[in-house]
């Protein structure tokens, strides 16, 4: 689960808060711009392609769910801890 904060000063992953990955992006929350920015930030941080990340729910909500393909849960946690 991702807690999105669009319109922020920087693109960054701010950690885990209440079981959700807190992500801030500079893009505004209109026409999917913030969702695309979150996918780009996650792909760069995790070292995977954007096509491996899919938004499955919460397209217009601050709380979103993504499917990440091609990486294990342990690998995901390890890469996030390194960022």
PDB file of N, CA and C in Angstrom:
ATOM      1  N   UNK A   1       0.844  -1.163   0.000  1.00  0.00           N
ATOM      2  CA  UNK A   1       0.000   0.000   0.000  1.00  0.00           C
ATOM      3  C   UNK A   1       0.899   1.239   0.000  1.00  0.00           C
ATOM      4  N   UNK A   2       0.473   2.250  -0.742  1.00  0.00           N
ATOM      5  CA  UNK A   2       1.225   3.496  -0.854  1.00  0.00           C
ATOM      6  C   UNK A   2       0.333   4.650  -0.421  1.00  0.00           C
ATOM      7  N   UNK A   3       0.852   5.514   0.413  1.00  0.00           N
ATOM      8  CA  UNK A   3       0.166   6.752   0.803  1.00  0.00           C
ATOM      9  C   UNK A   3       0.828   7.864   0.009  1.00  0.00           C
ATOM     10  N   UNK A   4       0.102   8.444  -0.930  1.00  0.00           N
ATOM     11  CA  UNK A   4       0.652   9.441  -1.843  1.00  0.00           C
ATOM     12  C   UNK A   4       0.452  10.852  -1.320  1.00  0.00           C
ATOM     13  N   UNK A   5       1.470  11.671  -1.569  1.00  0.00           N
ATOM     14  CA  UNK A   5       1.401  13.083  -1.240  1.00  0.00           C
ATOM     15  C   UNK A   5       1.826  13.880  -2.475  1.00  0.00           C
ATOM     16  N   UNK A   6       0.866  14.182  -3.371  1.00  0.00           N
ATOM     17  CA  UNK A   6       1.196  14.917  -4.588  1.00  0.00           C
ATOM     18  C   UNK A   6       1.408  16.404  -4.306  1.00  0.00           C
ATOM     19  N   UNK A   7       2.056  17.086  -5.242  1.00  0.00           N
ATOM     20  CA  UNK A   7       2.288  18.521  -5.101  1.00  0.00           C
ATOM     21  C   UNK A   7       3.324  18.861  -4.053  1.00  0.00           C
ATOM     22  N   UNK A   8       4.213  17.943  -3.747  1.00  0.00           N
ATOM     23  CA  UNK A   8       5.252  18.169  -2.737  1.00  0.00           C
ATOM     24  C   UNK A   8       6.438  18.914  -3.346  1.00  0.00           C
ATOM     25  N   UNK A   9       7.384  19.264  -2.521  1.00  0.00           N
ATOM     26  CA  UNK A   9       8.576  19.979  -2.988  1.00  0.00           C
ATOM     27  C   UNK A   9       9.559  19.076  -3.710  1.00  0.00           C
ATOM     28  N   UNK A  10       9.595  17.782  -3.303  1.00  0.00           N
ATOM     29  CA  UNK A  10      10.552  16.838  -3.886  1.00  0.00           C
ATOM     30  C   UNK A  10       9.885  15.499  -4.142  1.00  0.00           C
ATOM     31  N   UNK A  11      10.482  14.756  -5.066  1.00  0.00           N
ATOM     32  CA  UNK A  11      10.084  13.365  -5.280  1.00  0.00           C
ATOM     33  C   UNK A  11      10.911  12.521  -4.328  1.00  0.00           C
ATOM     34  N   UNK A  12      10.251  11.847  -3.397  1.00  0.00           N
ATOM     35  CA  UNK A  12      10.989  11.030  -2.438  1.00  0.00           C
ATOM     36  C   UNK A  12      10.097   9.999  -1.768  1.00  0.00           C
ATOM     37  N   UNK A  13      10.745   8.926  -1.339  1.00  0.00           N
ATOM     38  CA  UNK A  13      10.079   7.936  -0.505  1.00  0.00           C
ATOM     39  C   UNK A  13      10.419   8.306   0.924  1.00  0.00           C
ATOM     40  N   UNK A  14       9.403   8.559   1.729  1.00  0.00           N
ATOM     41  CA  UNK A  14       9.612   9.100   3.067  1.00  0.00           C
ATOM     42  C   UNK A  14       9.585   8.047   4.165  1.00  0.00           C
ATOM     43  N   UNK A  15       9.411   6.776   3.787  1.00  0.00           N
ATOM     44  CA  UNK A  15       9.422   5.714   4.783  1.00  0.00           C
ATOM     45  C   UNK A  15       8.077   5.030   4.882  1.00  0.00           C
ATOM     46  N   UNK A  16       7.966   4.174   5.879  1.00  0.00           N
ATOM     47  CA  UNK A  16       6.726   3.432   6.109  1.00  0.00           C
ATOM     48  C   UNK A  16       6.013   4.058   7.293  1.00  0.00           C
ATOM     49  N   UNK A  17       4.755   4.411   7.066  1.00  0.00           N
ATOM     50  CA  UNK A  17       3.945   5.032   8.111  1.00  0.00           C
ATOM     51  C   UNK A  17       2.623   4.270   8.180  1.00  0.00           C
ATOM     52  N   UNK A  18       2.335   3.706   9.339  1.00  0.00           N
ATOM     53  CA  UNK A  18       1.103   2.936   9.576  1.00  0.00           C
ATOM     54  C   UNK A  18       0.903   1.848   8.528  1.00  0.00           C
ATOM     55  N   UNK A  19       1.980   1.155   8.179  1.00  0.00           N
ATOM     56  CA  UNK A  19       1.902   0.044   7.250  1.00  0.00           C
ATOM     57  C   UNK A  19       1.862   0.418   5.781  1.00  0.00           C
ATOM     58  N   UNK A  20       1.941   1.703   5.471  1.00  0.00           N
ATOM     59  CA  UNK A  20       1.917   2.152   4.083  1.00  0.00           C
ATOM     60  C   UNK A  20       3.218   2.867   3.746  1.00  0.00           C
ATOM     61  N   UNK A  21       3.670   2.695   2.525  1.00  0.00           N
ATOM     62  CA  UNK A  21       4.864   3.383   2.042  1.00  0.00           C
ATOM     63  C   UNK A  21       4.468   4.815   1.719  1.00  0.00           C
ATOM     64  N   UNK A  22       5.055   5.777   2.411  1.00  0.00           N
ATOM     65  CA  UNK A  22       4.751   7.199   2.204  1.00  0.00           C
ATOM     66  C   UNK A  22       5.609   7.713   1.059  1.00  0.00           C
ATOM     67  N   UNK A  23       4.964   8.218  -0.003  1.00  0.00           N
ATOM     68  CA  UNK A  23       5.655   8.690  -1.193  1.00  0.00           C
ATOM     69  C   UNK A  23       5.198  10.112  -1.504  1.00  0.00           C
ATOM     70  N   UNK A  24       6.165  11.010  -1.694  1.00  0.00           N
ATOM     71  CA  UNK A  24       5.879  12.391  -2.072  1.00  0.00           C
ATOM     72  C   UNK A  24       6.373  12.625  -3.489  1.00  0.00           C
ATOM     73  N   UNK A  25       5.541  13.280  -4.302  1.00  0.00           N
ATOM     74  CA  UNK A  25       5.928  13.624  -5.668  1.00  0.00           C
ATOM     75  C   UNK A  25       5.562  15.073  -5.955  1.00  0.00           C
ATOM     76  N   UNK A  26       6.319  15.687  -6.852  1.00  0.00           N
ATOM     77  CA  UNK A  26       6.071  17.085  -7.198  1.00  0.00           C
ATOM     78  C   UNK A  26       4.869  17.240  -8.130  1.00  0.00           C
ATOM     79  N   UNK A  27       4.538  16.201  -8.849  1.00  0.00           N
ATOM     80  CA  UNK A  27       3.412  16.257  -9.794  1.00  0.00           C
ATOM     81  C   UNK A  27       2.094  16.476  -9.054  1.00  0.00           C
ATOM     82  N   UNK A  28       1.191  17.178  -9.728  1.00  0.00           N
ATOM     83  CA  UNK A  28      -0.121  17.439  -9.143  1.00  0.00           C
ATOM     84  C   UNK A  28      -1.046  16.257  -9.379  1.00  0.00           C
ATOM     85  N   UNK A  29      -2.084  16.182  -8.582  1.00  0.00           N
ATOM     86  CA  UNK A  29      -3.039  15.071  -8.658  1.00  0.00           C
ATOM     87  C   UNK A  29      -4.146  15.385  -9.657  1.00  0.00           C
ATOM     88  N   UNK A  30      -3.776  15.448 -10.928  1.00  0.00           N
ATOM     89  CA  UNK A  30      -4.781  15.645 -11.960  1.00  0.00           C
ATOM     90  C   UNK A  30      -4.391  14.859 -13.204  1.00  0.00           C
ATOM     91  N   UNK A  31      -5.371  14.228 -13.807  1.00  0.00           N
ATOM     92  CA  UNK A  31      -5.188  13.456 -15.035  1.00  0.00           C
ATOM     93  C   UNK A  31      -4.100  12.386 -14.928  1.00  0.00           C
ATOM     94  N   UNK A  32      -3.923  11.808 -13.733  1.00  0.00           N
ATOM     95  CA  UNK A  32      -2.978  10.715 -13.547  1.00  0.00           C
ATOM     96  C   UNK A  32      -1.518  11.116 -13.477  1.00  0.00           C
ATOM     97  N   UNK A  33      -1.230  12.411 -13.420  1.00  0.00           N
ATOM     98  CA  UNK A  33       0.159  12.871 -13.394  1.00  0.00           C
ATOM     99  C   UNK A  33       0.899  12.392 -12.153  1.00  0.00           C
ATOM    100  N   UNK A  34       0.267  12.470 -10.996  1.00  0.00           N
ATOM    101  CA  UNK A  34       0.911  12.031  -9.761  1.00  0.00           C
ATOM    102  C   UNK A  34       1.118  10.515  -9.766  1.00  0.00           C
ATOM    103  N   UNK A  35       0.162   9.771 -10.289  1.00  0.00           N
ATOM    104  CA  UNK A  35       0.301   8.313 -10.361  1.00  0.00           C
ATOM    105  C   UNK A  35       1.491   7.929 -11.232  1.00  0.00           C
ATOM    106  N   UNK A  36       1.644   8.592 -12.372  1.00  0.00           N
ATOM    107  CA  UNK A  36       2.784   8.325 -13.257  1.00  0.00           C
ATOM    108  C   UNK A  36       4.094   8.678 -12.578  1.00  0.00           C
ATOM    109  N   UNK A  37       4.109   9.776 -11.821  1.00  0.00           N
ATOM    110  CA  UNK A  37       5.322  10.187 -11.108  1.00  0.00           C
ATOM    111  C   UNK A  37       5.683   9.179 -10.017  1.00  0.00           C
ATOM    112  N   UNK A  38       4.685   8.637  -9.346  1.00  0.00           N
ATOM    113  CA  UNK A  38       4.931   7.626  -8.311  1.00  0.00           C
ATOM    114  C   UNK A  38       5.524   6.367  -8.950  1.00  0.00           C
ATOM    115  N   UNK A  39       4.966   5.932 -10.057  1.00  0.00           N
ATOM    116  CA  UNK A  39       5.487   4.753 -10.743  1.00  0.00           C
ATOM    117  C   UNK A  39       6.927   4.990 -11.179  1.00  0.00           C
ATOM    118  N   UNK A  40       7.221   6.164 -11.700  1.00  0.00           N
ATOM    119  CA  UNK A  40       8.592   6.478 -12.119  1.00  0.00           C
ATOM    120  C   UNK A  40       9.540   6.461 -10.922  1.00  0.00           C
ATOM    121  N   UNK A  41       9.141   7.085  -9.812  1.00  0.00           N
ATOM    122  CA  UNK A  41       9.975   7.112  -8.609  1.00  0.00           C
ATOM    123  C   UNK A  41      10.221   5.703  -8.082  1.00  0.00           C
ATOM    124  N   UNK A  42       9.188   4.888  -8.038  1.00  0.00           N
ATOM    125  CA  UNK A  42       9.337   3.515  -7.565  1.00  0.00           C
ATOM    126  C   UNK A  42      10.254   2.715  -8.487  1.00  0.00           C
ATOM    127  N   UNK A  43      10.111   2.896  -9.794  1.00  0.00           N
ATOM    128  CA  UNK A  43      10.945   2.134 -10.726  1.00  0.00           C
ATOM    129  C   UNK A  43      12.417   2.509 -10.589  1.00  0.00           C
ATOM    130  N   UNK A  44      12.704   3.786 -10.428  1.00  0.00           N
ATOM    131  CA  UNK A  44      14.095   4.228 -10.252  1.00  0.00           C
ATOM    132  C   UNK A  44      14.644   3.708  -8.925  1.00  0.00           C
ATOM    133  N   UNK A  45      13.881   3.836  -7.866  1.00  0.00           N
ATOM    134  CA  UNK A  45      14.312   3.409  -6.537  1.00  0.00           C
ATOM    135  C   UNK A  45      14.551   1.905  -6.477  1.00  0.00           C
ATOM    136  N   UNK A  46      13.669   1.141  -7.111  1.00  0.00           N
ATOM    137  CA  UNK A  46      13.763  -0.315  -7.062  1.00  0.00           C
ATOM    138  C   UNK A  46      14.673  -0.890  -8.137  1.00  0.00           C
ATOM    139  N   UNK A  47      15.059  -0.070  -9.104  1.00  0.00           N
ATOM    140  CA  UNK A  47      15.923  -0.546 -10.180  1.00  0.00           C
ATOM    141  C   UNK A  47      15.220  -1.487 -11.141  1.00  0.00           C
ATOM    142  N   UNK A  48      13.934  -1.244 -11.372  1.00  0.00           N
ATOM    143  CA  UNK A  48      13.146  -2.054 -12.300  1.00  0.00           C
ATOM    144  C   UNK A  48      12.491  -1.130 -13.323  1.00  0.00           C
ATOM    145  N   UNK A  49      11.923  -1.718 -14.368  1.00  0.00           N
ATOM    146  CA  UNK A  49      11.271  -0.897 -15.383  1.00  0.00           C
ATOM    147  C   UNK A  49       9.878  -0.472 -14.913  1.00  0.00           C
ATOM    148  N   UNK A  50       9.400   0.626 -15.459  1.00  0.00           N
ATOM    149  CA  UNK A  50       8.075   1.127 -15.103  1.00  0.00           C
ATOM    150  C   UNK A  50       6.981   0.132 -15.474  1.00  0.00           C
ATOM    151  N   UNK A  51       7.222  -0.672 -16.502  1.00  0.00           N
ATOM    152  CA  UNK A  51       6.213  -1.644 -16.934  1.00  0.00           C
ATOM    153  C   UNK A  51       6.003  -2.763 -15.914  1.00  0.00           C
ATOM    154  N   UNK A  52       6.923  -2.907 -14.965  1.00  0.00           N
ATOM    155  CA  UNK A  52       6.787  -3.927 -13.925  1.00  0.00           C
ATOM    156  C   UNK A  52       5.923  -3.456 -12.760  1.00  0.00           C
ATOM    157  N   UNK A  53       5.496  -2.199 -12.800  1.00  0.00           N
ATOM    158  CA  UNK A  53       4.684  -1.624 -11.721  1.00  0.00           C
ATOM    159  C   UNK A  53       3.326  -1.241 -12.292  1.00  0.00           C
ATOM    160  N   UNK A  54       2.272  -1.697 -11.637  1.00  0.00           N
ATOM    161  CA  UNK A  54       0.921  -1.416 -12.118  1.00  0.00           C
ATOM    162  C   UNK A  54       0.054  -0.930 -10.963  1.00  0.00           C
ATOM    163  N   UNK A  55      -0.628   0.166 -11.163  1.00  0.00           N
ATOM    164  CA  UNK A  55      -1.591   0.677 -10.196  1.00  0.00           C
ATOM    165  C   UNK A  55      -2.856  -0.161 -10.312  1.00  0.00           C
ATOM    166  N   UNK A  56      -3.262  -0.799  -9.211  1.00  0.00           N
ATOM    167  CA  UNK A  56      -4.441  -1.669  -9.258  1.00  0.00           C
ATOM    168  C   UNK A  56      -5.651  -1.083  -8.541  1.00  0.00           C
ATOM    169  N   UNK A  57      -5.441  -0.154  -7.621  1.00  0.00           N
ATOM    170  CA  UNK A  57      -6.576   0.523  -6.993  1.00  0.00           C
ATOM    171  C   UNK A  57      -6.118   1.845  -6.382  1.00  0.00           C
ATOM    172  N   UNK A  58      -7.067   2.750  -6.235  1.00  0.00           N
ATOM    173  CA  UNK A  58      -6.782   4.039  -5.626  1.00  0.00           C
ATOM    174  C   UNK A  58      -6.304   5.096  -6.606  1.00  0.00           C
ATOM    175  N   UNK A  59      -6.703   4.977  -7.855  1.00  0.00           N
ATOM    176  CA  UNK A  59      -6.259   5.926  -8.872  1.00  0.00           C
ATOM    177  C   UNK A  59      -6.537   7.380  -8.543  1.00  0.00           C
ATOM    178  N   UNK A  60      -7.637   7.649  -7.850  1.00  0.00           N
ATOM    179  CA  UNK A  60      -7.980   9.022  -7.486  1.00  0.00           C
ATOM    180  C   UNK A  60      -7.925   9.248  -5.974  1.00  0.00           C
ATOM    181  N   UNK A  61      -7.378   8.285  -5.266  1.00  0.00           N
ATOM    182  CA  UNK A  61      -7.288   8.352  -3.808  1.00  0.00           C
ATOM    183  C   UNK A  61      -5.843   8.577  -3.369  1.00  0.00           C
ATOM    184  N   UNK A  62      -5.664   9.042  -2.157  1.00  0.00           N
ATOM    185  CA  UNK A  62      -4.312   9.196  -1.611  1.00  0.00           C
ATOM    186  C   UNK A  62      -3.706   7.848  -1.239  1.00  0.00           C
ATOM    187  N   UNK A  63      -4.549   6.868  -0.963  1.00  0.00           N
ATOM    188  CA  UNK A  63      -4.084   5.522  -0.626  1.00  0.00           C
ATOM    189  C   UNK A  63      -4.223   4.656  -1.872  1.00  0.00           C
ATOM    190  N   UNK A  64      -3.096   4.104  -2.319  1.00  0.00           N
ATOM    191  CA  UNK A  64      -3.051   3.371  -3.573  1.00  0.00           C
ATOM    192  C   UNK A  64      -2.455   1.981  -3.363  1.00  0.00           C
ATOM    193  N   UNK A  65      -2.820   1.079  -4.257  1.00  0.00           N
ATOM    194  CA  UNK A  65      -2.233  -0.265  -4.243  1.00  0.00           C
ATOM    195  C   UNK A  65      -1.596  -0.515  -5.603  1.00  0.00           C
ATOM    196  N   UNK A  66      -0.360  -1.014  -5.561  1.00  0.00           N
ATOM    197  CA  UNK A  66       0.389  -1.325  -6.762  1.00  0.00           C
ATOM    198  C   UNK A  66       0.771  -2.795  -6.763  1.00  0.00           C
ATOM    199  N   UNK A  67       0.872  -3.358  -7.948  1.00  0.00           N
ATOM    200  CA  UNK A  67       1.448  -4.680  -8.134  1.00  0.00           C
ATOM    201  C   UNK A  67       2.834  -4.444  -8.701  1.00  0.00           C
ATOM    202  N   UNK A  68       3.845  -5.089  -8.089  1.00  0.00           N
ATOM    203  CA  UNK A  68       5.220  -4.985  -8.570  1.00  0.00           C
ATOM    204  C   UNK A  68       5.639  -6.380  -9.019  1.00  0.00           C
ATOM    205  N   UNK A  69       5.964  -6.508 -10.289  1.00  0.00           N
ATOM    206  CA  UNK A  69       6.323  -7.805 -10.860  1.00  0.00           C
ATOM    207  C   UNK A  69       7.833  -7.941 -10.988  1.00  0.00           C
ATOM    208  N   UNK A  70       8.309  -9.183 -10.921  1.00  0.00           N
ATOM    209  CA  UNK A  70       9.714  -9.463 -11.185  1.00  0.00           C
ATOM    210  C   UNK A  70      10.649  -9.220 -10.023  1.00  0.00           C
ATOM    211  N   UNK A  71      10.101  -9.108  -8.815  1.00  0.00           N
ATOM    212  CA  UNK A  71      10.929  -8.914  -7.627  1.00  0.00           C
ATOM    213  C   UNK A  71      10.202  -9.564  -6.443  1.00  0.00           C
ATOM    214  N   UNK A  72      10.962 -10.205  -5.584  1.00  0.00           N
ATOM    215  CA  UNK A  72      10.357 -10.853  -4.416  1.00  0.00           C
ATOM    216  C   UNK A  72      10.049  -9.813  -3.348  1.00  0.00           C
ATOM    217  N   UNK A  73       9.243 -10.196  -2.392  1.00  0.00           N
ATOM    218  CA  UNK A  73       8.913  -9.294  -1.282  1.00  0.00           C
ATOM    219  C   UNK A  73      10.185  -8.937  -0.512  1.00  0.00           C
ATOM    220  N   UNK A  74      11.051  -9.932  -0.291  1.00  0.00           N
ATOM    221  CA  UNK A  74      12.310  -9.668   0.415  1.00  0.00           C
ATOM    222  C   UNK A  74      13.196  -8.727  -0.388  1.00  0.00           C
ATOM    223  N   UNK A  75      13.261  -8.930  -1.703  1.00  0.00           N
ATOM    224  CA  UNK A  75      14.050  -8.059  -2.569  1.00  0.00           C
ATOM    225  C   UNK A  75      13.516  -6.648  -2.578  1.00  0.00           C
ATOM    226  N   UNK A  76      12.197  -6.531  -2.568  1.00  0.00           N
ATOM    227  CA  UNK A  76      11.549  -5.225  -2.517  1.00  0.00           C
ATOM    228  C   UNK A  76      11.903  -4.501  -1.224  1.00  0.00           C
ATOM    229  N   UNK A  77      11.778  -5.188  -0.105  1.00  0.00           N
ATOM    230  CA  UNK A  77      12.094  -4.593   1.192  1.00  0.00           C
ATOM    231  C   UNK A  77      13.563  -4.183   1.270  1.00  0.00           C
ATOM    232  N   UNK A  78      14.432  -5.012   0.732  1.00  0.00           N
ATOM    233  CA  UNK A  78      15.873  -4.716   0.753  1.00  0.00           C
ATOM    234  C   UNK A  78      16.204  -3.465  -0.063  1.00  0.00           C
ATOM    235  N   UNK A  79      15.611  -3.366  -1.248  1.00  0.00           N
ATOM    236  CA  UNK A  79      15.876  -2.205  -2.103  1.00  0.00           C
ATOM    237  C   UNK A  79      15.318  -0.930  -1.507  1.00  0.00           C
ATOM    238  N   UNK A  80      14.150  -1.035  -0.875  1.00  0.00           N
ATOM    239  CA  UNK A  80      13.578   0.138  -0.237  1.00  0.00           C
ATOM    240  C   UNK A  80      14.410   0.584   0.972  1.00  0.00           C
ATOM    241  N   UNK A  81      14.954  -0.367   1.691  1.00  0.00           N
ATOM    242  CA  UNK A  81      15.787  -0.040   2.852  1.00  0.00           C
ATOM    243  C   UNK A  81      17.079   0.655   2.434  1.00  0.00           C
ATOM    244  N   UNK A  82      17.563   0.355   1.241  1.00  0.00           N
ATOM    245  CA  UNK A  82      18.806   0.960   0.738  1.00  0.00           C
ATOM    246  C   UNK A  82      18.584   2.393   0.266  1.00  0.00           C
ATOM    247  N   UNK A  83      17.342   2.759  -0.035  1.00  0.00           N
ATOM    248  CA  UNK A  83      17.096   4.097  -0.573  1.00  0.00           C
ATOM    249  C   UNK A  83      17.048   5.159   0.502  1.00  0.00           C
TER     250      UNK A  83
END
